Structure formats: structure tokens, C-alpha cells
Amino acid sequence: MSGGTRKSNVCLFVMIFDEESRLDMDLLVAKSLLPGAGMGLFASRDFMEGETICRYESPLGTLTTKEAMQLEDKSFLMRLGPQKYIDLKNFPEVKARYINDCRQADRHNVRFQKKPDDGYADVIATRVIHSGEELYVDYGRLYWFGSKTLPSKLAVRSED
């Protein structure tokens, strides 16, 4: 191999790495503003409405319905579509797993754009999000139906 070919391969690797890691760079995992919720995901820069913020994607790929239903802890499980699930329970490095549901529709500022054929869901801003804001999404009523945490107990703490 000539030096020119080797240099091209290195540049290609750097481009791929930058594209993969770019989405998580402007996010911070910190204590959630929701009492009892644990950690939350916060914007460390402003995001525009419609902007892709990060990705809900498992390094192990997707699970079938049978595999997903056999999981004891489903708190980080997302259904992408028929026979396609993602479980991020054992992947604390995936920042999207820290997005909470505050159960207040007017506070939700992101949505999941599920892409079952690609095996992930993009996290999309539903309005302008300012630096320092916690990201909130609607998990859906089926999530809460099987949850031990009652949604009525979750409310954003007031800073008054």
C-alpha cells in the first residue's frame, strides 16, 4: 500500500467517527429536575425546532418481540415497530437513554422518530430548546401502564 492510500483510509475513519459522535457532543447527563427520576439529559447548546439531537440506538442492534418480552427490566426498552425493539439498560454511554417523561405535555420538547428498518430512533426537537434545558419526551401510555412509578408523582420542580 502506498502512503497516499493509507492516508485516505485514516481520513475516511475520522469522517465516520465524527459523524457518529457528533450527535452526542452537545448534551450533558446530570441529575434530573424530576423528583425521583435519577439522571436526565440536558442541552449544552441551543437546538432549533426539527433538529436531530441524538439517537436512541443499541450497540447490540434490535431484539425480537419474544426477546424483548423476556427481559425482566423493561425501563429502557423501546418498540421501534413490529418485531423490533431496542434495550439500552446496559448501555449508560448512550445519552438518549437519559431522556425523561415529565408527564406534562406542554413541557415535552423532543420526540422519537422511529426508524425500524435502520434499528434506531432519532431524537428530534419539537421546538427551540435552549442551553441548560432538560429534554422531555412522551413515553406513551403503554410505558406507564406497566411501570411501577406512577406518572402523577412526576412533576418538574419549580425554581421559584
Protein backbone atom coordinates (compact mmCIF):
# COMPACT_ATOMS: atom_id res chain seq x y z
CA MET A 1 0.00 0.00 0.00
CA SER A 2 1.26 3.45 -0.81
CA GLY A 3 1.34 6.24 1.78
CA GLY A 4 -1.42 8.08 -0.12
CA THR A 5 -3.86 5.18 0.19
CA ARG A 6 -3.16 4.75 3.88
CA LYS A 7 -3.73 8.47 4.50
CA SER A 8 -7.10 8.30 2.67
CA ASN A 9 -8.21 5.40 4.86
CA VAL A 10 -7.31 7.31 8.02
CA CYS A 11 -9.24 10.37 6.81
CA LEU A 12 -12.26 8.20 6.00
CA PHE A 13 -12.17 6.69 9.50
CA VAL A 14 -12.03 10.14 11.10
CA MET A 15 -15.01 11.29 8.99
CA ILE A 16 -17.08 8.26 10.06
CA PHE A 17 -16.12 8.71 13.73
CA ASP A 18 -17.02 12.41 13.65
CA GLU A 19 -20.44 11.69 12.10
CA GLU A 20 -21.23 9.00 14.70
CA SER A 21 -20.11 11.01 17.74
CA ARG A 22 -21.29 14.43 16.59
CA LEU A 23 -24.87 13.92 17.80
CA ASP A 24 -23.96 13.46 21.49
CA MET A 25 -21.40 16.24 21.86
CA ASP A 26 -23.87 18.98 22.80
CA LEU A 27 -25.60 17.07 25.59
CA LEU A 28 -24.95 16.69 29.29
CA VAL A 29 -26.13 13.92 31.61
CA ALA A 30 -26.90 15.32 35.08
CA LYS A 31 -29.38 14.99 37.96
CA SER A 32 -32.90 15.33 36.57
CA LEU A 33 -35.22 18.14 37.64
CA LEU A 34 -37.88 15.46 38.15
CA PRO A 35 -38.04 14.24 41.76
CA GLY A 36 -37.09 10.57 41.94
CA ALA A 37 -36.22 10.31 38.25
CA GLY A 38 -32.47 9.92 38.72
CA MET A 39 -30.42 11.30 35.86
CA GLY A 40 -31.67 13.44 32.99
CA LEU A 41 -30.37 14.71 29.66
CA PHE A 42 -29.71 18.42 29.21
CA ALA A 43 -28.88 20.57 26.18
CA SER A 44 -25.48 22.27 26.42
CA ARG A 45 -26.27 24.47 23.41
CA ASP A 46 -29.40 25.77 21.72
CA PHE A 47 -31.22 23.43 19.31
CA MET A 48 -33.60 24.52 16.56
CA GLU A 49 -37.07 23.03 16.09
CA GLY A 50 -36.78 19.95 13.86
CA GLU A 51 -33.08 19.42 14.58
CA THR A 52 -31.81 15.91 15.29
CA ILE A 53 -30.34 15.99 18.80
CA CYS A 54 -29.16 12.43 19.36
CA ARG A 55 -30.03 8.81 18.62
CA TYR A 56 -31.65 6.01 20.64
CA GLU A 57 -29.61 3.08 19.34
CA SER A 58 -28.23 -0.08 20.91
CA PRO A 59 -24.69 -1.22 20.13
CA LEU A 60 -26.15 -4.77 20.01
CA GLY A 61 -28.85 -3.97 17.45
CA THR A 62 -32.52 -4.83 17.81
CA LEU A 63 -34.45 -7.51 19.69
CA THR A 64 -37.48 -9.50 18.57
CA THR A 65 -40.77 -9.24 20.46
CA LYS A 66 -40.08 -12.59 22.13
CA GLU A 67 -36.63 -11.46 23.30
CA ALA A 68 -37.95 -8.11 24.50
CA MET A 69 -40.81 -9.60 26.49
CA GLN A 70 -38.40 -11.95 28.29
CA LEU A 71 -36.49 -9.01 29.77
CA GLU A 72 -37.05 -8.59 33.49
CA ASP A 73 -36.38 -4.82 33.47
CA LYS A 74 -38.04 -3.03 30.56
CA SER A 75 -37.38 0.53 31.73
CA PHE A 76 -35.01 1.29 28.83
CA LEU A 77 -36.90 -0.76 26.22
CA MET A 78 -38.31 0.98 23.14
CA ARG A 79 -40.54 -0.58 20.49
CA LEU A 80 -39.46 0.60 17.05
CA GLY A 81 -42.03 -1.40 15.11
CA PRO A 82 -43.26 -4.96 14.56
CA GLN A 83 -40.65 -7.41 15.90
CA LYS A 84 -38.12 -4.59 16.51
CA TYR A 85 -37.12 -3.38 19.97
CA ILE A 86 -34.11 -1.61 21.45
CA ASP A 87 -32.94 -2.11 25.05
CA LEU A 88 -30.42 0.38 26.48
CA LYS A 89 -30.44 -0.84 30.09
CA ASN A 90 -26.78 -1.91 29.96
CA PHE A 91 -25.51 1.00 27.85
CA PRO A 92 -25.05 4.07 30.09
CA GLU A 93 -22.86 5.66 27.40
CA VAL A 94 -25.90 6.15 25.10
CA LYS A 95 -27.11 9.58 26.18
CA ALA A 96 -30.62 9.25 24.71
CA ARG A 97 -31.48 6.75 27.45
CA TYR A 98 -31.49 9.62 29.97
CA ILE A 99 -34.42 11.48 28.38
CA ASN A 100 -37.28 11.50 30.87
CA ASP A 101 -41.06 11.86 30.55
CA CYS A 102 -42.31 14.61 32.87
CA ARG A 103 -45.97 13.68 32.08
CA GLN A 104 -46.73 17.33 31.27
CA ALA A 105 -47.46 17.65 27.54
CA ASP A 106 -46.59 21.36 27.48
CA ARG A 107 -43.08 20.56 28.78
CA HIS A 108 -42.23 17.89 26.18
CA ASN A 109 -39.58 19.32 23.86
CA VAL A 110 -38.43 16.28 21.84
CA ARG A 111 -39.99 13.33 20.06
CA PHE A 112 -38.70 9.98 18.86
CA GLN A 113 -38.60 9.49 15.10
CA LYS A 114 -38.52 5.71 14.94
CA LYS A 115 -36.68 4.05 12.06
CA PRO A 116 -37.34 0.31 12.46
CA ASP A 117 -35.61 -0.65 9.21
CA ASP A 118 -32.46 1.09 10.41
CA GLY A 119 -32.71 -0.18 14.00
CA TYR A 120 -32.80 3.14 15.87
CA ALA A 121 -34.84 6.22 16.71
CA ASP A 122 -33.65 9.78 16.19
CA VAL A 123 -34.44 12.31 18.92
CA ILE A 124 -35.93 15.41 17.25
CA ALA A 125 -36.51 18.84 18.82
CA THR A 126 -40.22 19.76 18.69
CA ARG A 127 -39.48 23.43 19.47
CA VAL A 128 -36.44 25.62 20.11
CA ILE A 129 -34.52 24.16 23.06
CA HIS A 130 -32.19 26.45 24.97
CA SER A 131 -28.88 25.52 26.53
CA GLY A 132 -29.44 24.19 30.05
CA GLU A 133 -32.94 22.79 29.39
CA GLU A 134 -33.70 19.19 30.30
CA LEU A 135 -35.03 17.08 27.43
CA TYR A 136 -38.50 15.59 27.92
CA VAL A 137 -40.40 13.18 25.68
CA ASP A 138 -43.79 11.46 25.89
CA TYR A 139 -43.09 7.77 26.58
CA GLY A 140 -46.70 6.91 25.75
CA ARG A 141 -49.41 5.44 27.96
CA LEU A 142 -48.32 1.84 27.39
CA TYR A 143 -44.98 2.55 29.07
CA TRP A 144 -46.70 3.85 32.20
CA PHE A 145 -49.26 1.04 32.19
CA GLY A 146 -46.52 -1.47 33.04
CA SER A 147 -44.46 0.87 35.22
CA LYS A 148 -44.04 0.81 38.99
CA THR A 149 -43.68 4.62 39.02
CA LEU A 150 -46.97 6.46 38.93
CA PRO A 151 -46.91 9.29 36.36
CA SER A 152 -48.83 11.57 38.72
CA LYS A 153 -45.79 11.57 41.04
CA LEU A 154 -43.58 13.11 38.37
CA ALA A 155 -43.61 16.88 38.12
CA VAL A 156 -40.90 19.31 37.19
CA ARG A 157 -39.53 21.09 40.24
CA SER A 158 -40.22 24.79 40.26
CA GLU A 159 -37.20 27.05 40.58
CA ASP A 160 -39.31 29.79 42.30
